[in-house]
């Protein structure tokens, strides 16, 4: 059974375009990652600072492998200056 993760990102003021670019660039890279079944980025209709990232992974092991990758480290470092708040929704 796959694992679904959803994360809401609220961009820092005036950083929404940079965050959007980072999320969509990351989308292209992560979809190639072994065990990533789906990765989608959605923009909120009513708030230009808000984004939802939907991830589907084959297993916990695939998530762990990704979290030990250079791609993950790069993403985490870049998003620090762009994100005001991050909320991880319950997994299912």
PDB file of N, CA and C in Angstrom:
ATOM      1  N   UNK A   1       0.838  -1.180   0.000  1.00  0.00           N
ATOM      2  CA  UNK A   1       0.000   0.000   0.000  1.00  0.00           C
ATOM      3  C   UNK A   1       0.887   1.248   0.000  1.00  0.00           C
ATOM      4  N   UNK A   2       0.522   2.220  -0.800  1.00  0.00           N
ATOM      5  CA  UNK A   2       1.323   3.444  -0.911  1.00  0.00           C
ATOM      6  C   UNK A   2       1.068   4.376   0.272  1.00  0.00           C
ATOM      7  N   UNK A   3       1.967   5.336   0.429  1.00  0.00           N
ATOM      8  CA  UNK A   3       1.884   6.329   1.504  1.00  0.00           C
ATOM      9  C   UNK A   3       1.688   7.691   0.880  1.00  0.00           C
ATOM     10  N   UNK A   4       0.677   8.404   1.353  1.00  0.00           N
ATOM     11  CA  UNK A   4       0.366   9.736   0.842  1.00  0.00           C
ATOM     12  C   UNK A   4       0.729  10.767   1.899  1.00  0.00           C
ATOM     13  N   UNK A   5       1.436  11.797   1.463  1.00  0.00           N
ATOM     14  CA  UNK A   5       1.793  12.926   2.334  1.00  0.00           C
ATOM     15  C   UNK A   5       1.304  14.208   1.676  1.00  0.00           C
ATOM     16  N   UNK A   6       0.782  15.098   2.495  1.00  0.00           N
ATOM     17  CA  UNK A   6       0.356  16.401   1.993  1.00  0.00           C
ATOM     18  C   UNK A   6       0.945  17.484   2.897  1.00  0.00           C
ATOM     19  N   UNK A   7       1.507  18.487   2.267  1.00  0.00           N
ATOM     20  CA  UNK A   7       2.118  19.576   3.015  1.00  0.00           C
ATOM     21  C   UNK A   7       1.628  20.901   2.452  1.00  0.00           C
ATOM     22  N   UNK A   8       1.225  21.795   3.356  1.00  0.00           N
ATOM     23  CA  UNK A   8       0.834  23.147   2.983  1.00  0.00           C
ATOM     24  C   UNK A   8       2.010  24.068   3.280  1.00  0.00           C
ATOM     25  N   UNK A   9       2.388  24.853   2.281  1.00  0.00           N
ATOM     26  CA  UNK A   9       3.458  25.836   2.436  1.00  0.00           C
ATOM     27  C   UNK A   9       2.866  27.229   2.293  1.00  0.00           C
ATOM     28  N   UNK A  10       3.210  28.110   3.218  1.00  0.00           N
ATOM     29  CA  UNK A  10       2.853  29.523   3.131  1.00  0.00           C
ATOM     30  C   UNK A  10       4.150  30.289   2.877  1.00  0.00           C
ATOM     31  N   UNK A  11       4.214  30.951   1.745  1.00  0.00           N
ATOM     32  CA  UNK A  11       5.435  31.666   1.356  1.00  0.00           C
ATOM     33  C   UNK A  11       5.615  32.941   2.173  1.00  0.00           C
ATOM     34  N   UNK A  12       6.856  33.323   2.359  1.00  0.00           N
ATOM     35  CA  UNK A  12       7.148  34.641   2.918  1.00  0.00           C
ATOM     36  C   UNK A  12       6.617  35.687   1.941  1.00  0.00           C
ATOM     37  N   UNK A  13       6.232  36.830   2.482  1.00  0.00           N
ATOM     38  CA  UNK A  13       5.718  37.912   1.652  1.00  0.00           C
ATOM     39  C   UNK A  13       6.697  38.224   0.529  1.00  0.00           C
ATOM     40  N   UNK A  14       6.200  38.346  -0.660  1.00  0.00           N
ATOM     41  CA  UNK A  14       6.942  38.656  -1.892  1.00  0.00           C
ATOM     42  C   UNK A  14       7.888  37.534  -2.345  1.00  0.00           C
ATOM     43  N   UNK A  15       7.801  36.364  -1.724  1.00  0.00           N
ATOM     44  CA  UNK A  15       8.642  35.232  -2.114  1.00  0.00           C
ATOM     45  C   UNK A  15       7.828  34.125  -2.790  1.00  0.00           C
ATOM     46  N   UNK A  16       6.531  34.370  -3.049  1.00  0.00           N
ATOM     47  CA  UNK A  16       5.677  33.322  -3.596  1.00  0.00           C
ATOM     48  C   UNK A  16       6.138  32.836  -4.972  1.00  0.00           C
ATOM     49  N   UNK A  17       6.639  33.736  -5.811  1.00  0.00           N
ATOM     50  CA  UNK A  17       7.104  33.304  -7.136  1.00  0.00           C
ATOM     51  C   UNK A  17       8.355  32.439  -7.033  1.00  0.00           C
ATOM     52  N   UNK A  18       9.235  32.782  -6.090  1.00  0.00           N
ATOM     53  CA  UNK A  18      10.432  31.974  -5.876  1.00  0.00           C
ATOM     54  C   UNK A  18      10.064  30.591  -5.327  1.00  0.00           C
ATOM     55  N   UNK A  19       9.112  30.561  -4.394  1.00  0.00           N
ATOM     56  CA  UNK A  19       8.675  29.283  -3.841  1.00  0.00           C
ATOM     57  C   UNK A  19       7.983  28.442  -4.914  1.00  0.00           C
ATOM     58  N   UNK A  20       7.152  29.072  -5.708  1.00  0.00           N
ATOM     59  CA  UNK A  20       6.464  28.364  -6.798  1.00  0.00           C
ATOM     60  C   UNK A  20       7.492  27.743  -7.745  1.00  0.00           C
ATOM     61  N   UNK A  21       8.491  28.500  -8.120  1.00  0.00           N
ATOM     62  CA  UNK A  21       9.540  27.994  -9.018  1.00  0.00           C
ATOM     63  C   UNK A  21      10.273  26.814  -8.376  1.00  0.00           C
ATOM     64  N   UNK A  22      10.608  26.939  -7.093  1.00  0.00           N
ATOM     65  CA  UNK A  22      11.300  25.859  -6.391  1.00  0.00           C
ATOM     66  C   UNK A  22      10.442  24.594  -6.347  1.00  0.00           C
ATOM     67  N   UNK A  23       9.156  24.734  -6.000  1.00  0.00           N
ATOM     68  CA  UNK A  23       8.279  23.569  -5.893  1.00  0.00           C
ATOM     69  C   UNK A  23       8.101  22.866  -7.235  1.00  0.00           C
ATOM     70  N   UNK A  24       7.927  23.632  -8.301  1.00  0.00           N
ATOM     71  CA  UNK A  24       7.735  23.012  -9.609  1.00  0.00           C
ATOM     72  C   UNK A  24       9.033  22.429 -10.173  1.00  0.00           C
ATOM     73  N   UNK A  25      10.162  23.038  -9.871  1.00  0.00           N
ATOM     74  CA  UNK A  25      11.447  22.462 -10.261  1.00  0.00           C
ATOM     75  C   UNK A  25      11.682  21.157  -9.503  1.00  0.00           C
ATOM     76  N   UNK A  26      11.362  21.188  -8.223  1.00  0.00           N
ATOM     77  CA  UNK A  26      11.499  19.989  -7.397  1.00  0.00           C
ATOM     78  C   UNK A  26      10.593  18.875  -7.917  1.00  0.00           C
ATOM     79  N   UNK A  27       9.409  19.239  -8.373  1.00  0.00           N
ATOM     80  CA  UNK A  27       8.466  18.273  -8.944  1.00  0.00           C
ATOM     81  C   UNK A  27       9.124  17.492 -10.078  1.00  0.00           C
ATOM     82  N   UNK A  28       9.787  18.174 -10.966  1.00  0.00           N
ATOM     83  CA  UNK A  28      10.439  17.510 -12.105  1.00  0.00           C
ATOM     84  C   UNK A  28      11.542  16.556 -11.653  1.00  0.00           C
ATOM     85  N   UNK A  29      12.265  16.943 -10.602  1.00  0.00           N
ATOM     86  CA  UNK A  29      13.369  16.118 -10.113  1.00  0.00           C
ATOM     87  C   UNK A  29      12.891  14.932  -9.286  1.00  0.00           C
ATOM     88  N   UNK A  30      11.918  15.149  -8.434  1.00  0.00           N
ATOM     89  CA  UNK A  30      11.488  14.101  -7.507  1.00  0.00           C
ATOM     90  C   UNK A  30      10.694  13.005  -8.207  1.00  0.00           C
ATOM     91  N   UNK A  31      10.002  13.342  -9.275  1.00  0.00           N
ATOM     92  CA  UNK A  31       9.229  12.322  -9.993  1.00  0.00           C
ATOM     93  C   UNK A  31      10.139  11.238 -10.578  1.00  0.00           C
ATOM     94  N   UNK A  32      11.404  11.550 -10.749  1.00  0.00           N
ATOM     95  CA  UNK A  32      12.378  10.589 -11.263  1.00  0.00           C
ATOM     96  C   UNK A  32      12.945   9.710 -10.142  1.00  0.00           C
ATOM     97  N   UNK A  33      12.666  10.083  -8.890  1.00  0.00           N
ATOM     98  CA  UNK A  33      13.246   9.403  -7.746  1.00  0.00           C
ATOM     99  C   UNK A  33      12.579   8.043  -7.533  1.00  0.00           C
ATOM    100  N   UNK A  34      13.383   7.026  -7.311  1.00  0.00           N
ATOM    101  CA  UNK A  34      12.876   5.673  -7.108  1.00  0.00           C
ATOM    102  C   UNK A  34      11.901   5.624  -5.925  1.00  0.00           C
ATOM    103  N   UNK A  35      10.699   5.145  -6.183  1.00  0.00           N
ATOM    104  CA  UNK A  35       9.694   5.019  -5.126  1.00  0.00           C
ATOM    105  C   UNK A  35       8.694   6.141  -5.087  1.00  0.00           C
ATOM    106  N   UNK A  36       8.939   7.231  -5.819  1.00  0.00           N
ATOM    107  CA  UNK A  36       7.976   8.328  -5.897  1.00  0.00           C
ATOM    108  C   UNK A  36       6.931   7.966  -6.946  1.00  0.00           C
ATOM    109  N   UNK A  37       5.704   7.748  -6.496  1.00  0.00           N
ATOM    110  CA  UNK A  37       4.617   7.380  -7.403  1.00  0.00           C
ATOM    111  C   UNK A  37       3.910   8.599  -7.973  1.00  0.00           C
ATOM    112  N   UNK A  38       3.867   9.666  -7.182  1.00  0.00           N
ATOM    113  CA  UNK A  38       3.197  10.890  -7.633  1.00  0.00           C
ATOM    114  C   UNK A  38       3.670  12.057  -6.783  1.00  0.00           C
ATOM    115  N   UNK A  39       3.761  13.216  -7.406  1.00  0.00           N
ATOM    116  CA  UNK A  39       4.130  14.452  -6.709  1.00  0.00           C
ATOM    117  C   UNK A  39       3.460  15.579  -7.473  1.00  0.00           C
ATOM    118  N   UNK A  40       2.577  16.271  -6.812  1.00  0.00           N
ATOM    119  CA  UNK A  40       1.825  17.354  -7.455  1.00  0.00           C
ATOM    120  C   UNK A  40       1.909  18.611  -6.604  1.00  0.00           C
ATOM    121  N   UNK A  41       1.887  19.755  -7.265  1.00  0.00           N
ATOM    122  CA  UNK A  41       1.894  21.054  -6.595  1.00  0.00           C
ATOM    123  C   UNK A  41       0.623  21.793  -7.004  1.00  0.00           C
ATOM    124  N   UNK A  42      -0.101  22.285  -5.997  1.00  0.00           N
ATOM    125  CA  UNK A  42      -1.335  23.032  -6.239  1.00  0.00           C
ATOM    126  C   UNK A  42      -1.218  24.413  -5.606  1.00  0.00           C
ATOM    127  N   UNK A  43      -1.721  25.403  -6.315  1.00  0.00           N
ATOM    128  CA  UNK A  43      -1.756  26.769  -5.793  1.00  0.00           C
ATOM    129  C   UNK A  43      -3.157  27.043  -5.255  1.00  0.00           C
ATOM    130  N   UNK A  44      -3.238  27.687  -4.108  1.00  0.00           N
ATOM    131  CA  UNK A  44      -4.533  28.035  -3.534  1.00  0.00           C
ATOM    132  C   UNK A  44      -5.220  29.081  -4.415  1.00  0.00           C
ATOM    133  N   UNK A  45      -6.517  28.933  -4.578  1.00  0.00           N
ATOM    134  CA  UNK A  45      -7.283  29.885  -5.384  1.00  0.00           C
ATOM    135  C   UNK A  45      -7.435  31.235  -4.690  1.00  0.00           C
ATOM    136  N   UNK A  46      -7.485  31.208  -3.370  1.00  0.00           N
ATOM    137  CA  UNK A  46      -7.814  32.423  -2.622  1.00  0.00           C
ATOM    138  C   UNK A  46      -6.632  33.064  -1.890  1.00  0.00           C
ATOM    139  N   UNK A  47      -5.438  32.496  -2.046  1.00  0.00           N
ATOM    140  CA  UNK A  47      -4.266  33.041  -1.351  1.00  0.00           C
ATOM    141  C   UNK A  47      -3.023  32.764  -2.189  1.00  0.00           C
ATOM    142  N   UNK A  48      -2.450  33.799  -2.757  1.00  0.00           N
ATOM    143  CA  UNK A  48      -1.299  33.615  -3.648  1.00  0.00           C
ATOM    144  C   UNK A  48      -0.041  33.145  -2.922  1.00  0.00           C
ATOM    145  N   UNK A  49      -0.041  33.189  -1.597  1.00  0.00           N
ATOM    146  CA  UNK A  49       1.118  32.757  -0.825  1.00  0.00           C
ATOM    147  C   UNK A  49       1.066  31.274  -0.456  1.00  0.00           C
ATOM    148  N   UNK A  50      -0.087  30.619  -0.704  1.00  0.00           N
ATOM    149  CA  UNK A  50      -0.304  29.258  -0.226  1.00  0.00           C
ATOM    150  C   UNK A  50      -0.216  28.207  -1.335  1.00  0.00           C
ATOM    151  N   UNK A  51       0.513  27.127  -1.021  1.00  0.00           N
ATOM    152  CA  UNK A  51       0.685  26.012  -1.941  1.00  0.00           C
ATOM    153  C   UNK A  51       0.441  24.703  -1.191  1.00  0.00           C
ATOM    154  N   UNK A  52      -0.093  23.730  -1.893  1.00  0.00           N
ATOM    155  CA  UNK A  52      -0.257  22.389  -1.348  1.00  0.00           C
ATOM    156  C   UNK A  52       0.585  21.431  -2.187  1.00  0.00           C
ATOM    157  N   UNK A  53       1.384  20.623  -1.509  1.00  0.00           N
ATOM    158  CA  UNK A  53       2.177  19.597  -2.183  1.00  0.00           C
ATOM    159  C   UNK A  53       1.618  18.235  -1.783  1.00  0.00           C
ATOM    160  N   UNK A  54       1.278  17.455  -2.800  1.00  0.00           N
ATOM    161  CA  UNK A  54       0.743  16.109  -2.622  1.00  0.00           C
ATOM    162  C   UNK A  54       1.801  15.125  -3.084  1.00  0.00           C
ATOM    163  N   UNK A  55       2.192  14.216  -2.196  1.00  0.00           N
ATOM    164  CA  UNK A  55       3.208  13.216  -2.514  1.00  0.00           C
ATOM    165  C   UNK A  55       2.630  11.824  -2.297  1.00  0.00           C
ATOM    166  N   UNK A  56       2.956  10.912  -3.190  1.00  0.00           N
ATOM    167  CA  UNK A  56       2.590   9.515  -2.992  1.00  0.00           C
ATOM    168  C   UNK A  56       3.847   8.675  -3.195  1.00  0.00           C
ATOM    169  N   UNK A  57       4.140   7.851  -2.189  1.00  0.00           N
ATOM    170  CA  UNK A  57       5.356   7.049  -2.174  1.00  0.00           C
ATOM    171  C   UNK A  57       5.015   5.563  -2.096  1.00  0.00           C
ATOM    172  N   UNK A  58       5.884   4.739  -2.649  1.00  0.00           N
ATOM    173  CA  UNK A  58       5.675   3.294  -2.653  1.00  0.00           C
ATOM    174  C   UNK A  58       5.791   2.695  -1.255  1.00  0.00           C
ATOM    175  N   UNK A  59       6.660   3.282  -0.411  1.00  0.00           N
ATOM    176  CA  UNK A  59       6.897   2.713   0.920  1.00  0.00           C
ATOM    177  C   UNK A  59       7.581   3.739   1.823  1.00  0.00           C
ATOM    178  N   UNK A  60       7.626   3.414   3.115  1.00  0.00           N
ATOM    179  CA  UNK A  60       8.376   4.241   4.070  1.00  0.00           C
ATOM    180  C   UNK A  60       9.865   4.222   3.728  1.00  0.00           C
ATOM    181  N   UNK A  61      10.326   3.093   3.233  1.00  0.00           N
ATOM    182  CA  UNK A  61      11.729   2.973   2.838  1.00  0.00           C
ATOM    183  C   UNK A  61      12.064   3.944   1.697  1.00  0.00           C
ATOM    184  N   UNK A  62      11.156   4.094   0.741  1.00  0.00           N
ATOM    185  CA  UNK A  62      11.375   5.029  -0.362  1.00  0.00           C
ATOM    186  C   UNK A  62      11.460   6.464   0.158  1.00  0.00           C
ATOM    187  N   UNK A  63      10.604   6.805   1.113  1.00  0.00           N
ATOM    188  CA  UNK A  63      10.647   8.148   1.723  1.00  0.00           C
ATOM    189  C   UNK A  63      11.974   8.351   2.443  1.00  0.00           C
ATOM    190  N   UNK A  64      12.384   7.354   3.216  1.00  0.00           N
ATOM    191  CA  UNK A  64      13.652   7.445   3.959  1.00  0.00           C
ATOM    192  C   UNK A  64      14.835   7.614   3.003  1.00  0.00           C
ATOM    193  N   UNK A  65      14.844   6.862   1.919  1.00  0.00           N
ATOM    194  CA  UNK A  65      15.926   6.984   0.937  1.00  0.00           C
ATOM    195  C   UNK A  65      15.952   8.378   0.329  1.00  0.00           C
ATOM    196  N   UNK A  66      14.785   8.903   0.021  1.00  0.00           N
ATOM    197  CA  UNK A  66      14.702  10.255  -0.521  1.00  0.00           C
ATOM    198  C   UNK A  66      15.237  11.275   0.487  1.00  0.00           C
ATOM    199  N   UNK A  67      14.870  11.112   1.763  1.00  0.00           N
ATOM    200  CA  UNK A  67      15.300  12.065   2.791  1.00  0.00           C
ATOM    201  C   UNK A  67      16.803  12.023   3.048  1.00  0.00           C
ATOM    202  N   UNK A  68      17.481  11.016   2.545  1.00  0.00           N
ATOM    203  CA  UNK A  68      18.935  10.931   2.659  1.00  0.00           C
ATOM    204  C   UNK A  68      19.639  11.326   1.361  1.00  0.00           C
ATOM    205  N   UNK A  69      18.883  11.884   0.442  1.00  0.00           N
ATOM    206  CA  UNK A  69      19.450  12.236  -0.868  1.00  0.00           C
ATOM    207  C   UNK A  69      19.927  13.690  -0.906  1.00  0.00           C
ATOM    208  N   UNK A  70      20.788  13.979  -1.862  1.00  0.00           N
ATOM    209  CA  UNK A  70      21.254  15.353  -2.075  1.00  0.00           C
ATOM    210  C   UNK A  70      20.100  16.243  -2.545  1.00  0.00           C
ATOM    211  N   UNK A  71      19.184  15.674  -3.318  1.00  0.00           N
ATOM    212  CA  UNK A  71      18.030  16.436  -3.809  1.00  0.00           C
ATOM    213  C   UNK A  71      17.199  16.959  -2.641  1.00  0.00           C
ATOM    214  N   UNK A  72      16.974  16.110  -1.651  1.00  0.00           N
ATOM    215  CA  UNK A  72      16.204  16.508  -0.456  1.00  0.00           C
ATOM    216  C   UNK A  72      16.939  17.599   0.319  1.00  0.00           C
ATOM    217  N   UNK A  73      18.222  17.403   0.538  1.00  0.00           N
ATOM    218  CA  UNK A  73      19.017  18.394   1.277  1.00  0.00           C
ATOM    219  C   UNK A  73      19.005  19.747   0.566  1.00  0.00           C
ATOM    220  N   UNK A  74      19.130  19.719  -0.742  1.00  0.00           N
ATOM    221  CA  UNK A  74      19.110  20.959  -1.528  1.00  0.00           C
ATOM    222  C   UNK A  74      17.749  21.648  -1.392  1.00  0.00           C
ATOM    223  N   UNK A  75      16.684  20.881  -1.540  1.00  0.00           N
ATOM    224  CA  UNK A  75      15.334  21.429  -1.420  1.00  0.00           C
ATOM    225  C   UNK A  75      15.107  22.050  -0.043  1.00  0.00           C
ATOM    226  N   UNK A  76      15.483  21.330   1.010  1.00  0.00           N
ATOM    227  CA  UNK A  76      15.286  21.820   2.374  1.00  0.00           C
ATOM    228  C   UNK A  76      16.056  23.121   2.613  1.00  0.00           C
ATOM    229  N   UNK A  77      17.263  23.194   2.106  1.00  0.00           N
ATOM    230  CA  UNK A  77      18.066  24.406   2.279  1.00  0.00           C
ATOM    231  C   UNK A  77      17.469  25.604   1.565  1.00  0.00           C
ATOM    232  N   UNK A  78      17.001  25.406   0.340  1.00  0.00           N
ATOM    233  CA  UNK A  78      16.444  26.513  -0.445  1.00  0.00           C
ATOM    234  C   UNK A  78      15.100  26.990   0.093  1.00  0.00           C
ATOM    235  N   UNK A  79      14.284  26.080   0.581  1.00  0.00           N
ATOM    236  CA  UNK A  79      12.941  26.480   1.033  1.00  0.00           C
ATOM    237  C   UNK A  79      12.967  27.255   2.343  1.00  0.00           C
ATOM    238  N   UNK A  80      14.039  27.120   3.131  1.00  0.00           N
ATOM    239  CA  UNK A  80      14.126  27.797   4.428  1.00  0.00           C
ATOM    240  C   UNK A  80      13.884  29.305   4.324  1.00  0.00           C
ATOM    241  N   UNK A  81      14.425  29.934   3.306  1.00  0.00           N
ATOM    242  CA  UNK A  81      14.302  31.388   3.180  1.00  0.00           C
ATOM    243  C   UNK A  81      13.010  31.810   2.475  1.00  0.00           C
ATOM    244  N   UNK A  82      12.293  30.847   1.920  1.00  0.00           N
ATOM    245  CA  UNK A  82      11.090  31.165   1.143  1.00  0.00           C
ATOM    246  C   UNK A  82       9.787  30.898   1.886  1.00  0.00           C
ATOM    247  N   UNK A  83       9.829  30.017   2.885  1.00  0.00           N
ATOM    248  CA  UNK A  83       8.608  29.562   3.554  1.00  0.00           C
ATOM    249  C   UNK A  83       8.454  30.226   4.915  1.00  0.00           C
ATOM    250  N   UNK A  84       7.297  30.854   5.106  1.00  0.00           N
ATOM    251  CA  UNK A  84       6.970  31.451   6.400  1.00  0.00           C
ATOM    252  C   UNK A  84       6.416  30.402   7.355  1.00  0.00           C
ATOM    253  N   UNK A  85       5.569  29.516   6.814  1.00  0.00           N
ATOM    254  CA  UNK A  85       4.957  28.476   7.635  1.00  0.00           C
ATOM    255  C   UNK A  85       4.741  27.228   6.790  1.00  0.00           C
ATOM    256  N   UNK A  86       4.865  26.092   7.455  1.00  0.00           N
ATOM    257  CA  UNK A  86       4.692  24.794   6.805  1.00  0.00           C
ATOM    258  C   UNK A  86       3.824  23.936   7.703  1.00  0.00           C
ATOM    259  N   UNK A  87       2.827  23.291   7.120  1.00  0.00           N
ATOM    260  CA  UNK A  87       1.955  22.408   7.903  1.00  0.00           C
ATOM    261  C   UNK A  87       1.841  21.069   7.176  1.00  0.00           C
ATOM    262  N   UNK A  88       2.249  20.024   7.883  1.00  0.00           N
ATOM    263  CA  UNK A  88       2.149  18.683   7.330  1.00  0.00           C
ATOM    264  C   UNK A  88       0.809  18.118   7.769  1.00  0.00           C
ATOM    265  N   UNK A  89      -0.021  17.774   6.791  1.00  0.00           N
ATOM    266  CA  UNK A  89      -1.335  17.228   7.069  1.00  0.00           C
ATOM    267  C   UNK A  89      -1.212  15.747   7.411  1.00  0.00           C
ATOM    268  N   UNK A  90      -2.183  15.193   8.121  1.00  0.00           N
ATOM    269  CA  UNK A  90      -2.110  13.776   8.470  1.00  0.00           C
ATOM    270  C   UNK A  90      -1.937  12.884   7.241  1.00  0.00           C
ATOM    271  N   UNK A  91      -1.064  11.892   7.355  1.00  0.00           N
ATOM    272  CA  UNK A  91      -0.820  10.940   6.273  1.00  0.00           C
ATOM    273  C   UNK A  91      -1.931   9.907   6.231  1.00  0.00           C
ATOM    274  N   UNK A  92      -2.122   9.365   5.051  1.00  0.00           N
ATOM    275  CA  UNK A  92      -3.091   8.266   4.933  1.00  0.00           C
ATOM    276  C   UNK A  92      -2.647   7.303   3.867  1.00  0.00           C
TER     277      UNK A  92
END
